[in-house]
Amino acid sequence: MSLATAAAGTAPEVAAAVRSALESVFDAVAATRTDTADLLAKVAAEGRRPATVDLAALRPGLHLRLARNELVSGVGFVAAPGLLTDVPAWLEWWQSGSDGDVRPLLLDLDPEQSAYADYTHWDWFALPRDTGERAVAGPYVDYLCSDEYSLTLSAPVQMEGRFAGVAAADVYLRHFEAAVLPMLRRLPGPAHLVNARGRVTASADPAHLAGSLTKGPDFAAVLRRARPGRFRGLRLVPCRDIPLVLVISPR
């Protein structure tokens, strides 16, 4: 089901349509995760640690995912600090330019000079690392990659049973909102979407703007239970298997 064209009018239909669209982005994340895990396993079987040169083997797959998924604006693997032998930190990251060209993200990750050297506190890295689960982070201004208001979908990658980094993909918020807002507006009450931390990812409710926090409900618990619930008049509908909750306020 296409988010842009779905004629969804009920909460379960909207939640299912959101799931369908973002699952396609998570498919890109999963493919990157598989490619990276296979590559790291091959390096380990050779009795050595990986280096940045090894990650170049991921590039054909990353380019293909950017070309095939219109929601994905950037995709790649972000290494855990200390994983690679030749640099303290690294993003094997590729993104689409406004002209459609695919280009690498080039960052100065020198910890003595760069404000971006420690990316481990960002939700898109910390949530998969700490929970072992995939995550939706944001929206936030992505100063690291695009300077665009974005969502980042991510999943943990392991090497020999240990956390090695995250596979991730970016979605520009304007593209996500363009897809979901028409459906949110068809619901019987003001509606918005939040992630596990209660951060609003898209909203047709003027009381809950994108990027703000919805306080009160335990959205992580709603996602764990994977069934609809209520909290002080709010209707909470998890987007099955996607870490987002549809929140509908009473009129």
Foldseek 3Di string as FASTA:
>chain_A
DFLQDDPDQEPLVLLQNLLVLVVLQVVLQVVQLVVVQVLLQVQVVVVDAAAPVSQVVSPVSQVVSQVPRVQFFKWWWWWDQPRHDPDRTDTQMWGADPVRDIDGQDDDLDVVPDPCVDPCVACQWVVCQPPQAKFKGDQDQCPRGDSARWIKIWGFHDHPRHTTTITITIGGLVVVQSSNVVRCVSYPAWKFKAFQQQATSYGPHPVHHHRDGDDDDRLVVCQVVQAWDDDPQWTWHHSPPHRMIMIGHDD
